[in-house]
Amino acid sequence: SPYVAGITGKYPSFDFPVWAFLELITFGTFIYFYKFCAERFDDKVMRDRFYILQNVKSLRNACAHNNCILNEMAGGKPMFRPQNSVSRAVGQIASIGQSQRKSKLSNDRLQQVATTLYVHSLVASEGVHKNRSISLHKFVERMNRHVDYYDGNYQVSSGFDFITKLVNSWFPIENSDFRENTL
């Protein structure tokens, strides 16, 4: 591919430095490489994050393949239980009660959204986090612009409410930051 030809051409014997290797592999391969490192170094935190990253990968793939992300927002039986660290982090948000947390994390889609936002809040640099905070608040503003359209659909309105609370809690911004970046 033209996107990686320069890298692969520079290392024809596939003797890549780690930065080149990471540029060439897929996100799924990266996650399994991460798991390999977790096992190699017997790192429980990394091992736990491997399973969290699986949820991130599922959401990333759905977005990449243009799937309808917010279809079917009712609670139910998720394919996988939410990771304890994600559930605990959501539980620490004062505006999200236990029943809302359980209900929303029992929906695969909302669980993946919550997991992705949680992971970003943990691993992104301060600058990246600040910029993403601004774009997420713009998204929430747009998402809620006509929330009244969904007055008769509790799953959609409560799903939007849940996402709004996650963004407001994990991605706080100064009003001045938001105004500067919306002009």
C-alpha atoms as a PDB file:
ATOM      1  CA  SER A   1       0.000   0.000   0.000  1.00  0.00           C
ATOM      2  CA  PRO A   2       1.233   3.547  -0.592  1.00  0.00           C
ATOM      3  CA  TYR A   3       0.671   4.284   3.092  1.00  0.00           C
ATOM      4  CA  VAL A   4       3.300   1.840   4.333  1.00  0.00           C
ATOM      5  CA  ALA A   5       5.494   1.265   1.256  1.00  0.00           C
ATOM      6  CA  GLY A   6       8.164   3.642   2.528  1.00  0.00           C
ATOM      7  CA  ILE A   7       8.430   1.775   5.805  1.00  0.00           C
ATOM      8  CA  THR A   8       8.435  -1.718   4.324  1.00  0.00           C
ATOM      9  CA  GLY A   9      10.896  -0.641   1.609  1.00  0.00           C
ATOM     10  CA  LYS A  10      13.315   0.645   4.204  1.00  0.00           C
ATOM     11  CA  TYR A  11      13.339  -2.733   5.996  1.00  0.00           C
ATOM     12  CA  PRO A  12      13.149  -5.377   3.231  1.00  0.00           C
ATOM     13  CA  SER A  13      14.281  -8.151   5.586  1.00  0.00           C
ATOM     14  CA  PHE A  14      11.358  -7.337   7.939  1.00  0.00           C
ATOM     15  CA  ASP A  15      13.837  -6.444  10.665  1.00  0.00           C
ATOM     16  CA  PHE A  16      11.638  -3.572  11.846  1.00  0.00           C
ATOM     17  CA  PRO A  17      12.262  -1.280  14.789  1.00  0.00           C
ATOM     18  CA  VAL A  18       9.287  -1.311  17.142  1.00  0.00           C
ATOM     19  CA  TRP A  19       7.905   2.035  15.891  1.00  0.00           C
ATOM     20  CA  ALA A  20       7.786   0.687  12.319  1.00  0.00           C
ATOM     21  CA  PHE A  21       6.214  -2.577  13.462  1.00  0.00           C
ATOM     22  CA  LEU A  22       3.479  -0.642  15.275  1.00  0.00           C
ATOM     23  CA  GLU A  23       2.830   1.474  12.162  1.00  0.00           C
ATOM     24  CA  LEU A  24       2.307  -1.642  10.058  1.00  0.00           C
ATOM     25  CA  ILE A  25       0.068  -3.824  12.196  1.00  0.00           C
ATOM     26  CA  THR A  26      -3.707  -3.647  12.468  1.00  0.00           C
ATOM     27  CA  PHE A  27      -5.402  -2.473  15.645  1.00  0.00           C
ATOM     28  CA  GLY A  28      -6.472  -6.057  16.374  1.00  0.00           C
ATOM     29  CA  THR A  29      -2.891  -7.283  16.004  1.00  0.00           C
ATOM     30  CA  PHE A  30      -1.726  -4.435  18.224  1.00  0.00           C
ATOM     31  CA  ILE A  31      -4.146  -5.539  20.935  1.00  0.00           C
ATOM     32  CA  TYR A  32      -2.838  -9.111  20.800  1.00  0.00           C
ATOM     33  CA  PHE A  33       0.742  -7.819  20.846  1.00  0.00           C
ATOM     34  CA  TYR A  34      -0.254  -5.830  23.928  1.00  0.00           C
ATOM     35  CA  LYS A  35      -1.601  -9.043  25.495  1.00  0.00           C
ATOM     36  CA  PHE A  36       1.650 -10.842  24.619  1.00  0.00           C
ATOM     37  CA  CYS A  37       3.578  -8.098  26.445  1.00  0.00           C
ATOM     38  CA  ALA A  38       1.200  -8.312  29.414  1.00  0.00           C
ATOM     39  CA  GLU A  39       1.825 -12.052  29.709  1.00  0.00           C
ATOM     40  CA  ARG A  40       5.552 -11.755  29.068  1.00  0.00           C
ATOM     41  CA  PHE A  41       5.949  -9.178  31.833  1.00  0.00           C
ATOM     42  CA  ASP A  42       3.221 -10.714  34.033  1.00  0.00           C
ATOM     43  CA  ASP A  43       1.453  -7.357  34.214  1.00  0.00           C
ATOM     44  CA  LYS A  44      -2.101  -7.635  35.552  1.00  0.00           C
ATOM     45  CA  VAL A  45      -3.031  -4.046  34.645  1.00  0.00           C
ATOM     46  CA  MET A  46      -1.973  -4.612  31.028  1.00  0.00           C
ATOM     47  CA  ARG A  47      -3.840  -7.925  30.939  1.00  0.00           C
ATOM     48  CA  ASP A  48      -7.015  -6.230  32.176  1.00  0.00           C
ATOM     49  CA  ARG A  49      -6.613  -3.463  29.619  1.00  0.00           C
ATOM     50  CA  PHE A  50      -6.314  -6.058  26.858  1.00  0.00           C
ATOM     51  CA  TYR A  51      -9.913  -7.098  27.529  1.00  0.00           C
ATOM     52  CA  ILE A  52     -11.022  -3.473  27.716  1.00  0.00           C
ATOM     53  CA  LEU A  53      -9.336  -2.805  24.361  1.00  0.00           C
ATOM     54  CA  GLN A  54     -11.400  -5.615  22.813  1.00  0.00           C
ATOM     55  CA  ASN A  55     -14.512  -3.477  23.393  1.00  0.00           C
ATOM     56  CA  VAL A  56     -12.774  -0.456  21.902  1.00  0.00           C
ATOM     57  CA  LYS A  57     -11.873  -2.535  18.848  1.00  0.00           C
ATOM     58  CA  SER A  58     -15.481  -3.650  18.415  1.00  0.00           C
ATOM     59  CA  LEU A  59     -16.709  -0.056  18.409  1.00  0.00           C
ATOM     60  CA  ARG A  60     -13.877   1.032  16.114  1.00  0.00           C
ATOM     61  CA  ASN A  61     -14.751  -1.723  13.633  1.00  0.00           C
ATOM     62  CA  ALA A  62     -18.444  -0.834  13.731  1.00  0.00           C
ATOM     63  CA  CYS A  63     -17.588   2.804  12.991  1.00  0.00           C
ATOM     64  CA  ALA A  64     -15.125   1.863  10.243  1.00  0.00           C
ATOM     65  CA  HIS A  65     -17.758  -0.291   8.535  1.00  0.00           C
ATOM     66  CA  ASN A  66     -20.435   2.390   8.847  1.00  0.00           C
ATOM     67  CA  ASN A  67     -22.678   0.359  11.160  1.00  0.00           C
ATOM     68  CA  CYS A  68     -25.533   2.107  12.905  1.00  0.00           C
ATOM     69  CA  ILE A  69     -23.917   2.564  16.303  1.00  0.00           C
ATOM     70  CA  LEU A  70     -26.936   3.717  18.271  1.00  0.00           C
ATOM     71  CA  ASN A  71     -29.424   1.179  16.939  1.00  0.00           C
ATOM     72  CA  GLU A  72     -31.070  -0.928  19.669  1.00  0.00           C
ATOM     73  CA  MET A  73     -30.199   1.017  22.816  1.00  0.00           C
ATOM     74  CA  ALA A  74     -32.409  -0.974  25.179  1.00  0.00           C
ATOM     75  CA  GLY A  75     -30.791  -2.909  27.998  1.00  0.00           C
ATOM     76  CA  GLY A  76     -30.530  -6.641  27.709  1.00  0.00           C
ATOM     77  CA  LYS A  77     -28.019  -9.417  27.977  1.00  0.00           C
ATOM     78  CA  PRO A  78     -24.673  -8.183  26.648  1.00  0.00           C
ATOM     79  CA  MET A  79     -22.274 -10.480  24.829  1.00  0.00           C
ATOM     80  CA  PHE A  80     -19.709  -9.756  27.547  1.00  0.00           C
ATOM     81  CA  ARG A  81     -19.988  -8.424  31.049  1.00  0.00           C
ATOM     82  CA  PRO A  82     -18.626  -4.891  31.354  1.00  0.00           C
ATOM     83  CA  GLN A  83     -15.090  -4.776  32.701  1.00  0.00           C
ATOM     84  CA  ASN A  84     -15.034  -4.111  36.439  1.00  0.00           C
ATOM     85  CA  SER A  85     -12.852  -1.015  36.039  1.00  0.00           C
ATOM     86  CA  VAL A  86     -15.301   0.499  33.533  1.00  0.00           C
ATOM     87  CA  SER A  87     -18.307  -0.322  35.695  1.00  0.00           C
ATOM     88  CA  ARG A  88     -16.580   1.168  38.759  1.00  0.00           C
ATOM     89  CA  ALA A  89     -15.620   4.328  36.843  1.00  0.00           C
ATOM     90  CA  VAL A  90     -19.191   4.787  35.612  1.00  0.00           C
ATOM     91  CA  GLY A  91     -20.401   4.123  39.164  1.00  0.00           C
ATOM     92  CA  GLN A  92     -18.262   7.005  40.422  1.00  0.00           C
ATOM     93  CA  ILE A  93     -20.155   9.506  38.266  1.00  0.00           C
ATOM     94  CA  ALA A  94     -22.541  11.134  40.731  1.00  0.00           C
ATOM     95  CA  SER A  95     -25.238  11.834  38.131  1.00  0.00           C
ATOM     96  CA  ILE A  96     -25.445   8.164  37.076  1.00  0.00           C
ATOM     97  CA  GLY A  97     -27.357   5.980  39.508  1.00  0.00           C
ATOM     98  CA  GLN A  98     -26.862   2.258  39.959  1.00  0.00           C
ATOM     99  CA  SER A  99     -29.943   1.290  37.927  1.00  0.00           C
ATOM    100  CA  GLN A 100     -28.925   3.523  35.001  1.00  0.00           C
ATOM    101  CA  ARG A 101     -25.367   2.157  35.118  1.00  0.00           C
ATOM    102  CA  LYS A 102     -26.564  -1.452  35.102  1.00  0.00           C
ATOM    103  CA  SER A 103     -29.144  -0.811  32.407  1.00  0.00           C
ATOM    104  CA  LYS A 104     -26.844   1.081  30.043  1.00  0.00           C
ATOM    105  CA  LEU A 105     -23.844  -1.200  30.518  1.00  0.00           C
ATOM    106  CA  SER A 106     -26.090  -4.181  29.754  1.00  0.00           C
ATOM    107  CA  ASN A 107     -26.387  -2.844  26.200  1.00  0.00           C
ATOM    108  CA  ASP A 108     -23.399  -3.855  24.054  1.00  0.00           C
ATOM    109  CA  ARG A 109     -23.321  -0.603  22.109  1.00  0.00           C
ATOM    110  CA  LEU A 110     -23.492   1.716  25.095  1.00  0.00           C
ATOM    111  CA  GLN A 111     -21.017  -0.486  26.961  1.00  0.00           C
ATOM    112  CA  GLN A 112     -18.570  -0.097  24.059  1.00  0.00           C
ATOM    113  CA  VAL A 113     -19.097   3.680  23.929  1.00  0.00           C
ATOM    114  CA  ALA A 114     -18.550   3.949  27.695  1.00  0.00           C
ATOM    115  CA  THR A 115     -15.470   1.719  27.505  1.00  0.00           C
ATOM    116  CA  THR A 116     -13.944   3.715  24.662  1.00  0.00           C
ATOM    117  CA  LEU A 117     -14.500   7.024  26.457  1.00  0.00           C
ATOM    118  CA  TYR A 118     -13.083   5.533  29.666  1.00  0.00           C
ATOM    119  CA  VAL A 119      -9.936   4.209  27.946  1.00  0.00           C
ATOM    120  CA  HIS A 120      -9.369   7.535  26.223  1.00  0.00           C
ATOM    121  CA  SER A 121      -9.639   9.369  29.529  1.00  0.00           C
ATOM    122  CA  LEU A 122      -6.942   7.038  30.923  1.00  0.00           C
ATOM    123  CA  VAL A 123      -4.369   6.885  28.146  1.00  0.00           C
ATOM    124  CA  ALA A 124      -4.565  10.058  26.052  1.00  0.00           C
ATOM    125  CA  SER A 125      -2.062  12.837  26.611  1.00  0.00           C
ATOM    126  CA  GLU A 126      -3.329  16.025  28.224  1.00  0.00           C
ATOM    127  CA  GLY A 127      -3.340  17.937  24.919  1.00  0.00           C
ATOM    128  CA  VAL A 128      -5.132  15.199  22.999  1.00  0.00           C
ATOM    129  CA  HIS A 129      -7.615  14.799  25.832  1.00  0.00           C
ATOM    130  CA  LYS A 130      -8.361  18.546  25.851  1.00  0.00           C
ATOM    131  CA  ASN A 131      -8.952  18.609  22.080  1.00  0.00           C
ATOM    132  CA  ARG A 132     -11.115  15.491  22.194  1.00  0.00           C
ATOM    133  CA  SER A 133     -13.073  17.008  25.072  1.00  0.00           C
ATOM    134  CA  ILE A 134     -13.980  19.965  22.907  1.00  0.00           C
ATOM    135  CA  SER A 135     -15.056  17.788  19.980  1.00  0.00           C
ATOM    136  CA  LEU A 136     -17.057  15.482  22.264  1.00  0.00           C
ATOM    137  CA  HIS A 137     -18.902  18.444  23.776  1.00  0.00           C
ATOM    138  CA  LYS A 138     -19.723  19.638  20.248  1.00  0.00           C
ATOM    139  CA  PHE A 139     -21.008  16.131  19.509  1.00  0.00           C
ATOM    140  CA  VAL A 140     -23.145  16.097  22.678  1.00  0.00           C
ATOM    141  CA  GLU A 141     -24.520  19.539  21.835  1.00  0.00           C
ATOM    142  CA  ARG A 142     -25.468  18.294  18.360  1.00  0.00           C
ATOM    143  CA  MET A 143     -26.838  14.997  19.689  1.00  0.00           C
ATOM    144  CA  ASN A 144     -29.117  16.816  22.135  1.00  0.00           C
ATOM    145  CA  ARG A 145     -30.154  19.645  19.792  1.00  0.00           C
ATOM    146  CA  HIS A 146     -33.508  18.020  19.032  1.00  0.00           C
ATOM    147  CA  VAL A 147     -33.740  15.517  21.857  1.00  0.00           C
ATOM    148  CA  ASP A 148     -37.438  16.414  22.041  1.00  0.00           C
ATOM    149  CA  TYR A 149     -37.865  14.402  18.816  1.00  0.00           C
ATOM    150  CA  TYR A 150     -37.349  11.298  20.955  1.00  0.00           C
ATOM    151  CA  ASP A 151     -39.826  12.132  23.746  1.00  0.00           C
ATOM    152  CA  GLY A 152     -41.727   8.915  23.070  1.00  0.00           C
ATOM    153  CA  ASN A 153     -38.614   6.745  22.850  1.00  0.00           C
ATOM    154  CA  TYR A 154     -37.126   6.203  26.288  1.00  0.00           C
ATOM    155  CA  GLN A 155     -34.210   4.088  25.015  1.00  0.00           C
ATOM    156  CA  VAL A 156     -32.928   6.862  22.763  1.00  0.00           C
ATOM    157  CA  SER A 157     -33.480   9.757  25.175  1.00  0.00           C
ATOM    158  CA  SER A 158     -31.989   7.862  28.136  1.00  0.00           C
ATOM    159  CA  GLY A 159     -29.102   6.610  25.974  1.00  0.00           C
ATOM    160  CA  PHE A 160     -28.323  10.191  24.943  1.00  0.00           C
ATOM    161  CA  ASP A 161     -28.570  11.226  28.593  1.00  0.00           C
ATOM    162  CA  PHE A 162     -26.082   8.492  29.575  1.00  0.00           C
ATOM    163  CA  ILE A 163     -23.581   9.514  26.887  1.00  0.00           C
ATOM    164  CA  THR A 164     -23.949  13.164  27.886  1.00  0.00           C
ATOM    165  CA  LYS A 165     -23.177  12.320  31.520  1.00  0.00           C
ATOM    166  CA  LEU A 166     -20.097  10.298  30.533  1.00  0.00           C
ATOM    167  CA  VAL A 167     -18.741  13.136  28.396  1.00  0.00           C
ATOM    168  CA  ASN A 168     -19.490  15.792  31.023  1.00  0.00           C
ATOM    169  CA  SER A 169     -17.766  13.759  33.728  1.00  0.00           C
ATOM    170  CA  TRP A 170     -14.719  12.352  31.945  1.00  0.00           C
ATOM    171  CA  PHE A 171     -14.148  15.181  29.472  1.00  0.00           C
ATOM    172  CA  PRO A 172     -14.791  18.426  31.351  1.00  0.00           C
ATOM    173  CA  ILE A 173     -13.990  21.642  29.539  1.00  0.00           C
ATOM    174  CA  GLU A 174     -13.815  25.293  30.411  1.00  0.00           C
ATOM    175  CA  ASN A 175     -16.548  27.320  28.748  1.00  0.00           C
ATOM    176  CA  SER A 176     -13.843  29.556  27.281  1.00  0.00           C
ATOM    177  CA  ASP A 177     -12.176  26.517  25.616  1.00  0.00           C
ATOM    178  CA  PHE A 178     -15.482  25.503  24.048  1.00  0.00           C
ATOM    179  CA  ARG A 179     -16.304  29.015  22.801  1.00  0.00           C
ATOM    180  CA  GLU A 180     -12.796  29.532  21.350  1.00  0.00           C
ATOM    181  CA  ASN A 181     -13.056  26.342  19.333  1.00  0.00           C
ATOM    182  CA  THR A 182     -16.588  26.874  18.041  1.00  0.00           C
ATOM    183  CA  LEU A 183     -16.023  30.307  16.476  1.00  0.00           C
END
